[in-house]
Structures are given as structure tokens and as C-alpha cells.
């Protein structure tokens, strides 16, 4: 398994949430103020050897960040509902098949403080993950 395999598994799992359009990393997306959406950013946090020796697997980890994006001025209800759905999808203990291994969600997803602009409000949901990759 590679870090790219891990990211693909996380994205495929999020794609099951079909109630909202998703702005994927580095894919052109034009948001519509009339429709809330999700935005994805994968934030790898590095790898460490998971054993002793040159052939030991690497434990790769990261934060799969999903933003619940809603129009500014509409309150927090819709973003909170979206976050509830994302958190339910990525519960602690989830193991997603990825290539020849699994991506594991090792803690409950956590919400950050909302970020507000003139037009959009963004509620971050951080999903901590790890997997074992080939050396």
C-alpha cells in the first residue's frame, strides 16, 4: 500500500455521502451559494518505521480534512448536520480496504472552529488516519 492508495480509499469512502457536492483537491469546482458542499484536503503528517530493519513497513499517518461549506449568514445548523453525517461515516475504529492493506481511523473525528468569509462559512472536520505502507 502507498500513501496515494490511502488517500484514494478515504476519498472513495467520503464519496458515499451523496447528499452534497464535493470539491476534491486540485479538481475544478465552482460553488453555488444556494447549495452547501463539502471540501476535501488531505494533510499527511509523515511516516515512521513500524519495525526494525530495512524491510520494516512504514506507518504513514495524516489528517483527512473535510470542510462543511455553507453560505454565510444562514446559521450553524446546516453545517452541523453536514458534520454529523461526515463524523458518522468516519467513526473511530473504521478500517477501509486500500490496495494490500487498510486505512484505519484511529480517533473520533473532531470539529474545529468555523471560518467565516463574506460569502461562505467553513466548518472543518478533522479525521485522523494511519496505515502501513511498503518500505
C-alpha atoms as a PDB file:
ATOM      1  CA  UNK A   1       0.000   0.000   0.000  1.00  0.00           C
ATOM      2  CA  UNK A   2       1.142   3.558  -0.691  1.00  0.00           C
ATOM      3  CA  UNK A   3       0.066   6.945   0.715  1.00  0.00           C
ATOM      4  CA  UNK A   4      -1.781   7.516  -2.594  1.00  0.00           C
ATOM      5  CA  UNK A   5      -3.725   4.277  -2.056  1.00  0.00           C
ATOM      6  CA  UNK A   6      -4.665   5.502   1.413  1.00  0.00           C
ATOM      7  CA  UNK A   7      -5.937   8.833   0.108  1.00  0.00           C
ATOM      8  CA  UNK A   8      -7.922   7.104  -2.647  1.00  0.00           C
ATOM      9  CA  UNK A   9      -9.635   4.858  -0.069  1.00  0.00           C
ATOM     10  CA  UNK A  10     -10.572   7.843   2.108  1.00  0.00           C
ATOM     11  CA  UNK A  11     -11.952   9.758  -0.893  1.00  0.00           C
ATOM     12  CA  UNK A  12     -13.935   6.755  -2.124  1.00  0.00           C
ATOM     13  CA  UNK A  13     -15.472   6.358   1.322  1.00  0.00           C
ATOM     14  CA  UNK A  14     -16.459  10.044   1.502  1.00  0.00           C
ATOM     15  CA  UNK A  15     -17.988   9.803  -1.997  1.00  0.00           C
ATOM     16  CA  UNK A  16     -20.681   7.555  -0.476  1.00  0.00           C
ATOM     17  CA  UNK A  17     -22.120  10.721   1.091  1.00  0.00           C
ATOM     18  CA  UNK A  18     -24.101  11.776  -1.978  1.00  0.00           C
ATOM     19  CA  UNK A  19     -26.260  14.463  -0.359  1.00  0.00           C
ATOM     20  CA  UNK A  20     -23.714  17.208  -1.141  1.00  0.00           C
ATOM     21  CA  UNK A  21     -21.380  18.030  -4.000  1.00  0.00           C
ATOM     22  CA  UNK A  22     -17.720  17.522  -3.086  1.00  0.00           C
ATOM     23  CA  UNK A  23     -14.849  19.834  -4.008  1.00  0.00           C
ATOM     24  CA  UNK A  24     -11.935  17.414  -4.382  1.00  0.00           C
ATOM     25  CA  UNK A  25      -8.324  18.518  -4.108  1.00  0.00           C
ATOM     26  CA  UNK A  26      -6.943  20.011  -7.321  1.00  0.00           C
ATOM     27  CA  UNK A  27     -10.197  19.461  -9.266  1.00  0.00           C
ATOM     28  CA  UNK A  28     -12.006  22.477 -10.718  1.00  0.00           C
ATOM     29  CA  UNK A  29     -15.148  23.222  -8.709  1.00  0.00           C
ATOM     30  CA  UNK A  30     -17.468  26.239  -8.832  1.00  0.00           C
ATOM     31  CA  UNK A  31     -19.554  26.518  -5.664  1.00  0.00           C
ATOM     32  CA  UNK A  32     -23.170  27.654  -5.787  1.00  0.00           C
ATOM     33  CA  UNK A  33     -24.288  29.796  -2.819  1.00  0.00           C
ATOM     34  CA  UNK A  34     -27.678  28.114  -2.953  1.00  0.00           C
ATOM     35  CA  UNK A  35     -26.157  24.669  -2.315  1.00  0.00           C
ATOM     36  CA  UNK A  36     -23.929  23.603   0.593  1.00  0.00           C
ATOM     37  CA  UNK A  37     -20.944  21.463  -0.324  1.00  0.00           C
ATOM     38  CA  UNK A  38     -18.021  19.559   1.165  1.00  0.00           C
ATOM     39  CA  UNK A  39     -14.381  20.400   0.508  1.00  0.00           C
ATOM     40  CA  UNK A  40     -11.548  17.895   0.961  1.00  0.00           C
ATOM     41  CA  UNK A  41      -7.904  18.426   1.906  1.00  0.00           C
ATOM     42  CA  UNK A  42      -5.593  15.541   2.739  1.00  0.00           C
ATOM     43  CA  UNK A  43      -2.862  16.531   5.188  1.00  0.00           C
ATOM     44  CA  UNK A  44      -0.223  13.795   5.539  1.00  0.00           C
ATOM     45  CA  UNK A  45       1.648  14.052   8.829  1.00  0.00           C
ATOM     46  CA  UNK A  46       4.585  11.805   7.958  1.00  0.00           C
ATOM     47  CA  UNK A  47       5.784   8.244   8.232  1.00  0.00           C
ATOM     48  CA  UNK A  48       7.872   6.301  10.716  1.00  0.00           C
ATOM     49  CA  UNK A  49       9.349   2.820  10.615  1.00  0.00           C
ATOM     50  CA  UNK A  50       6.894   0.380  12.161  1.00  0.00           C
ATOM     51  CA  UNK A  51       9.554  -2.186  12.961  1.00  0.00           C
ATOM     52  CA  UNK A  52      13.266  -2.888  12.997  1.00  0.00           C
ATOM     53  CA  UNK A  53      15.285  -3.400   9.852  1.00  0.00           C
ATOM     54  CA  UNK A  54      15.453  -2.074   6.321  1.00  0.00           C
ATOM     55  CA  UNK A  55      12.389  -4.023   5.183  1.00  0.00           C
ATOM     56  CA  UNK A  56      10.075  -2.935   8.013  1.00  0.00           C
ATOM     57  CA  UNK A  57       6.762  -1.426   6.962  1.00  0.00           C
ATOM     58  CA  UNK A  58       6.270   2.326   7.343  1.00  0.00           C
ATOM     59  CA  UNK A  59       3.416   3.643   9.456  1.00  0.00           C
ATOM     60  CA  UNK A  60       2.030   6.591   7.467  1.00  0.00           C
ATOM     61  CA  UNK A  61      -0.467   8.928   9.113  1.00  0.00           C
ATOM     62  CA  UNK A  62      -2.388  12.064   8.374  1.00  0.00           C
ATOM     63  CA  UNK A  63      -5.485  14.181   8.765  1.00  0.00           C
ATOM     64  CA  UNK A  64      -8.247  13.852   6.183  1.00  0.00           C
ATOM     65  CA  UNK A  65      -9.829  17.287   6.494  1.00  0.00           C
ATOM     66  CA  UNK A  66     -13.390  17.747   5.288  1.00  0.00           C
ATOM     67  CA  UNK A  67     -14.937  21.216   5.322  1.00  0.00           C
ATOM     68  CA  UNK A  68     -18.703  21.653   5.558  1.00  0.00           C
ATOM     69  CA  UNK A  69     -19.251  24.757   3.428  1.00  0.00           C
ATOM     70  CA  UNK A  70     -22.442  26.807   3.753  1.00  0.00           C
ATOM     71  CA  UNK A  71     -23.475  30.314   2.778  1.00  0.00           C
ATOM     72  CA  UNK A  72     -22.540  32.929   5.386  1.00  0.00           C
ATOM     73  CA  UNK A  73     -25.435  34.312   7.394  1.00  0.00           C
ATOM     74  CA  UNK A  74     -27.558  31.150   7.434  1.00  0.00           C
ATOM     75  CA  UNK A  75     -26.609  29.993  10.931  1.00  0.00           C
ATOM     76  CA  UNK A  76     -24.720  26.885  12.004  1.00  0.00           C
ATOM     77  CA  UNK A  77     -27.495  24.292  11.695  1.00  0.00           C
ATOM     78  CA  UNK A  78     -26.782  23.074   8.161  1.00  0.00           C
ATOM     79  CA  UNK A  79     -23.010  22.892   8.702  1.00  0.00           C
ATOM     80  CA  UNK A  80     -23.567  21.000  11.954  1.00  0.00           C
ATOM     81  CA  UNK A  81     -25.820  18.490  10.205  1.00  0.00           C
ATOM     82  CA  UNK A  82     -23.236  18.007   7.469  1.00  0.00           C
ATOM     83  CA  UNK A  83     -20.517  17.487  10.094  1.00  0.00           C
ATOM     84  CA  UNK A  84     -22.708  14.923  11.893  1.00  0.00           C
ATOM     85  CA  UNK A  85     -23.002  12.944   8.654  1.00  0.00           C
ATOM     86  CA  UNK A  86     -19.262  13.052   7.925  1.00  0.00           C
ATOM     87  CA  UNK A  87     -18.432  12.048  11.504  1.00  0.00           C
ATOM     88  CA  UNK A  88     -20.839   9.094  11.326  1.00  0.00           C
ATOM     89  CA  UNK A  89     -19.227   7.941   8.090  1.00  0.00           C
ATOM     90  CA  UNK A  90     -15.689   8.051   9.565  1.00  0.00           C
ATOM     91  CA  UNK A  91     -16.255   6.626  13.038  1.00  0.00           C
ATOM     92  CA  UNK A  92     -13.287   5.648  15.231  1.00  0.00           C
ATOM     93  CA  UNK A  93     -12.168   2.099  14.506  1.00  0.00           C
ATOM     94  CA  UNK A  94     -13.203   2.110  10.839  1.00  0.00           C
ATOM     95  CA  UNK A  95     -10.845   0.078   8.616  1.00  0.00           C
ATOM     96  CA  UNK A  96     -11.036   0.882   4.887  1.00  0.00           C
ATOM     97  CA  UNK A  97      -9.526  -1.586   2.403  1.00  0.00           C
ATOM     98  CA  UNK A  98      -6.731   0.035   0.400  1.00  0.00           C
ATOM     99  CA  UNK A  99      -4.583  -1.939  -2.051  1.00  0.00           C
ATOM    100  CA  UNK A 100      -2.953  -4.679   0.046  1.00  0.00           C
ATOM    101  CA  UNK A 101      -3.788  -3.182   3.443  1.00  0.00           C
ATOM    102  CA  UNK A 102      -6.184  -0.999   5.386  1.00  0.00           C
ATOM    103  CA  UNK A 103      -6.519   2.671   6.263  1.00  0.00           C
ATOM    104  CA  UNK A 104      -7.625   2.940   9.871  1.00  0.00           C
ATOM    105  CA  UNK A 105      -9.457   5.773  11.595  1.00  0.00           C
ATOM    106  CA  UNK A 106      -7.773   5.895  14.987  1.00  0.00           C
ATOM    107  CA  UNK A 107      -9.780   8.551  16.836  1.00  0.00           C
ATOM    108  CA  UNK A 108     -13.208  10.103  16.652  1.00  0.00           C
ATOM    109  CA  UNK A 109     -13.422  12.897  14.061  1.00  0.00           C
ATOM    110  CA  UNK A 110     -13.171  16.357  15.598  1.00  0.00           C
ATOM    111  CA  UNK A 111     -14.651  19.689  14.601  1.00  0.00           C
ATOM    112  CA  UNK A 112     -12.707  22.909  14.537  1.00  0.00           C
ATOM    113  CA  UNK A 113     -13.924  26.438  14.866  1.00  0.00           C
ATOM    114  CA  UNK A 114     -15.859  27.690  11.857  1.00  0.00           C
ATOM    115  CA  UNK A 115     -14.122  30.087   9.466  1.00  0.00           C
ATOM    116  CA  UNK A 116     -16.288  32.858   8.012  1.00  0.00           C
ATOM    117  CA  UNK A 117     -15.789  34.940   4.880  1.00  0.00           C
ATOM    118  CA  UNK A 118     -18.108  37.439   3.239  1.00  0.00           C
ATOM    119  CA  UNK A 119     -19.859  34.666   1.291  1.00  0.00           C
ATOM    120  CA  UNK A 120     -19.015  31.276   2.812  1.00  0.00           C
ATOM    121  CA  UNK A 121     -18.678  29.672   6.235  1.00  0.00           C
ATOM    122  CA  UNK A 122     -16.393  26.651   6.577  1.00  0.00           C
ATOM    123  CA  UNK A 123     -16.692  24.132   9.401  1.00  0.00           C
ATOM    124  CA  UNK A 124     -13.612  21.844   9.474  1.00  0.00           C
ATOM    125  CA  UNK A 125     -13.970  18.187  10.407  1.00  0.00           C
ATOM    126  CA  UNK A 126     -10.587  16.523  11.025  1.00  0.00           C
ATOM    127  CA  UNK A 127     -10.311  12.764  10.561  1.00  0.00           C
ATOM    128  CA  UNK A 128      -7.124  11.161  11.902  1.00  0.00           C
ATOM    129  CA  UNK A 129      -5.935   8.106   9.961  1.00  0.00           C
ATOM    130  CA  UNK A 130      -2.976   5.767   9.556  1.00  0.00           C
ATOM    131  CA  UNK A 131      -1.911   2.784   7.521  1.00  0.00           C
ATOM    132  CA  UNK A 132       1.092   0.586   6.943  1.00  0.00           C
ATOM    133  CA  UNK A 133       2.913   1.205   3.691  1.00  0.00           C
ATOM    134  CA  UNK A 134       5.581  -0.742   1.881  1.00  0.00           C
ATOM    135  CA  UNK A 135       9.133   0.413   2.595  1.00  0.00           C
END
